[in-house]
Amino acid sequence: MAIIPGEQKLESSFVDPQKKKQKKMVYIFILVIVLIAAVLYFSFFRKEAAPSPADSTVGGAGAAATPSSVDQQVKLIEAVSQIKLDNPLLKDKKFEALTSSGQFPLTIGEKGRANPFAGF
C-alpha cells in the first residue's frame, strides 16, 4: 500500500463515530467519579455540627447546669407534659378487652449444651 499525498483514507469515516463514543464515555466516567467523590465527602468526611442543647438529655452525664440549659430543659419538660394522647383506639371496647397471655417478667431457661457438637 503506497502513501499518496491528497488521498483520503476511507477508514477515517468509520473511526470518527468510535472516537466520539469514546470521548462521551470518558466524560461520563469523569462525571461518575465526581459524583462518588461528592457522596463520600458529604457522608463520611464532613464534620458534624455541634449538638444543640435541645438534643441533650435532661440531667444526663456530662450535662452542664448553666441557667440557659436548665431553662431549656424546663421548657422541654413542660412541652412534653402537655402532650395529650386522646386516641379513640385506646378507648375502644375491643382494645380494653385485650388481656396479657404471658407472665411478666419473662424467665429465661437454660441455654443449650456446653458443647453443641458433642454426640447425644
Protein backbone atom coordinates (compact mmCIF):
# COMPACT_ATOMS: atom_id res chain seq x y z
CA MET A 1 0.00 0.00 0.00
CA ALA A 2 1.51 3.26 -1.05
CA ILE A 3 1.06 6.61 0.61
CA ILE A 4 -0.21 9.08 -1.94
CA PRO A 5 -0.49 12.74 -0.93
CA GLY A 6 -4.01 14.09 -1.20
CA GLU A 7 -5.63 10.67 -0.93
CA GLN A 8 -8.27 10.45 1.76
CA LYS A 9 -8.44 7.45 3.97
CA LEU A 10 -11.70 5.58 3.90
CA GLU A 11 -11.18 4.34 7.47
CA SER A 12 -11.43 7.85 8.95
CA SER A 13 -15.18 7.98 8.42
CA PHE A 14 -15.59 4.79 10.46
CA VAL A 15 -13.20 5.86 13.22
CA ASP A 16 -14.83 9.25 13.89
CA PRO A 17 -18.06 7.82 15.40
CA GLN A 18 -15.98 5.48 17.53
CA LYS A 19 -13.82 8.36 18.78
CA LYS A 20 -16.94 10.40 19.56
CA LYS A 21 -18.38 7.50 21.51
CA GLN A 22 -15.13 7.01 23.39
CA LYS A 23 -14.96 10.73 24.21
CA LYS A 24 -18.53 10.63 25.51
CA MET A 25 -17.71 7.61 27.70
CA VAL A 26 -14.69 9.44 29.17
CA TYR A 27 -16.94 12.38 30.12
CA ILE A 28 -19.48 10.04 31.71
CA PHE A 29 -16.71 8.26 33.63
CA ILE A 30 -15.37 11.58 34.97
CA LEU A 31 -18.89 12.63 35.99
CA VAL A 32 -19.44 9.36 37.86
CA ILE A 33 -16.10 9.76 39.69
CA VAL A 34 -17.01 13.32 40.72
CA LEU A 35 -20.43 12.18 41.98
CA ILE A 36 -18.90 9.34 44.01
CA ALA A 37 -16.35 11.74 45.50
CA ALA A 38 -19.13 14.16 46.47
CA VAL A 39 -21.18 11.41 48.13
CA LEU A 40 -18.15 10.18 50.08
CA TYR A 41 -17.26 13.70 51.18
CA PHE A 42 -20.74 14.61 52.39
CA SER A 43 -21.42 11.28 54.10
CA PHE A 44 -18.07 10.47 55.73
CA PHE A 45 -15.57 13.29 55.78
CA ARG A 46 -17.66 16.38 56.52
CA LYS A 47 -17.51 17.43 60.17
CA GLU A 48 -20.72 17.15 62.13
CA ALA A 49 -22.25 20.28 63.59
CA ALA A 50 -22.09 20.61 67.37
CA PRO A 51 -25.24 19.20 69.00
CA SER A 52 -27.68 21.81 70.18
CA PRO A 53 -28.64 21.98 73.87
CA ALA A 54 -32.15 20.78 72.98
CA ASP A 55 -30.62 17.50 71.79
CA SER A 56 -29.01 16.77 75.14
CA THR A 57 -30.74 14.58 77.67
CA VAL A 58 -32.17 16.04 80.83
CA GLY A 59 -29.72 15.52 83.66
CA GLY A 60 -27.55 13.19 81.58
CA ALA A 61 -23.92 12.52 82.32
CA GLY A 62 -21.80 15.49 81.39
CA ALA A 63 -24.76 17.85 81.08
CA ALA A 64 -23.75 21.35 82.07
CA ALA A 65 -26.01 23.02 84.61
CA THR A 66 -25.97 26.52 83.14
CA PRO A 67 -29.08 28.65 83.67
CA SER A 68 -29.93 28.72 79.97
CA SER A 69 -29.70 24.94 79.65
CA VAL A 70 -31.85 24.49 82.75
CA ASP A 71 -34.45 26.86 81.30
CA GLN A 72 -34.45 24.95 78.04
CA GLN A 73 -34.82 21.65 79.87
CA VAL A 74 -37.72 23.01 81.92
CA LYS A 75 -39.42 24.23 78.75
CA LEU A 76 -38.88 20.82 77.15
CA ILE A 77 -40.38 19.04 80.16
CA GLU A 78 -43.38 21.38 80.14
CA ALA A 79 -43.90 20.79 76.42
CA VAL A 80 -43.77 17.02 76.88
CA SER A 81 -46.14 17.11 79.85
CA GLN A 82 -48.74 18.97 77.76
CA ILE A 83 -48.96 16.19 75.16
CA LYS A 84 -52.41 14.61 75.13
CA LEU A 85 -52.90 11.04 73.99
CA ASP A 86 -56.62 11.16 73.21
CA ASN A 87 -56.68 8.43 70.61
CA PRO A 88 -60.11 6.83 70.08
CA LEU A 89 -58.37 3.48 69.60
CA LEU A 90 -57.30 3.50 73.25
CA LYS A 91 -60.93 3.92 74.37
CA ASP A 92 -62.31 1.20 72.10
CA LYS A 93 -64.02 -1.67 73.96
CA LYS A 94 -62.18 -4.27 71.89
CA PHE A 95 -58.85 -2.72 72.83
CA GLU A 96 -59.78 -2.57 76.51
CA ALA A 97 -60.82 -6.26 76.38
CA LEU A 98 -57.31 -7.36 75.41
CA THR A 99 -55.52 -9.41 78.07
CA SER A 100 -51.93 -10.46 78.52
CA SER A 101 -51.23 -14.04 77.51
CA GLY A 102 -47.98 -14.49 79.42
CA GLN A 103 -46.33 -13.81 82.74
CA PHE A 104 -44.00 -10.92 83.21
CA PRO A 105 -41.11 -10.66 83.73
CA LEU A 106 -40.09 -13.42 81.39
CA THR A 107 -37.79 -16.08 82.81
CA ILE A 108 -35.01 -17.33 80.60
CA GLY A 109 -34.30 -21.03 80.86
CA GLU A 110 -31.03 -22.88 80.42
CA LYS A 111 -29.10 -22.11 77.29
CA GLY A 112 -28.04 -25.12 75.18
CA ARG A 113 -25.29 -27.59 75.89
CA ALA A 114 -21.71 -26.73 76.80
CA ASN A 115 -20.50 -28.43 73.60
CA PRO A 116 -23.17 -28.30 70.87
CA PHE A 117 -21.09 -30.56 68.58
CA ALA A 118 -20.84 -33.46 71.02
CA GLY A 119 -22.90 -36.55 70.20
CA PHE A 120 -26.07 -37.38 72.12
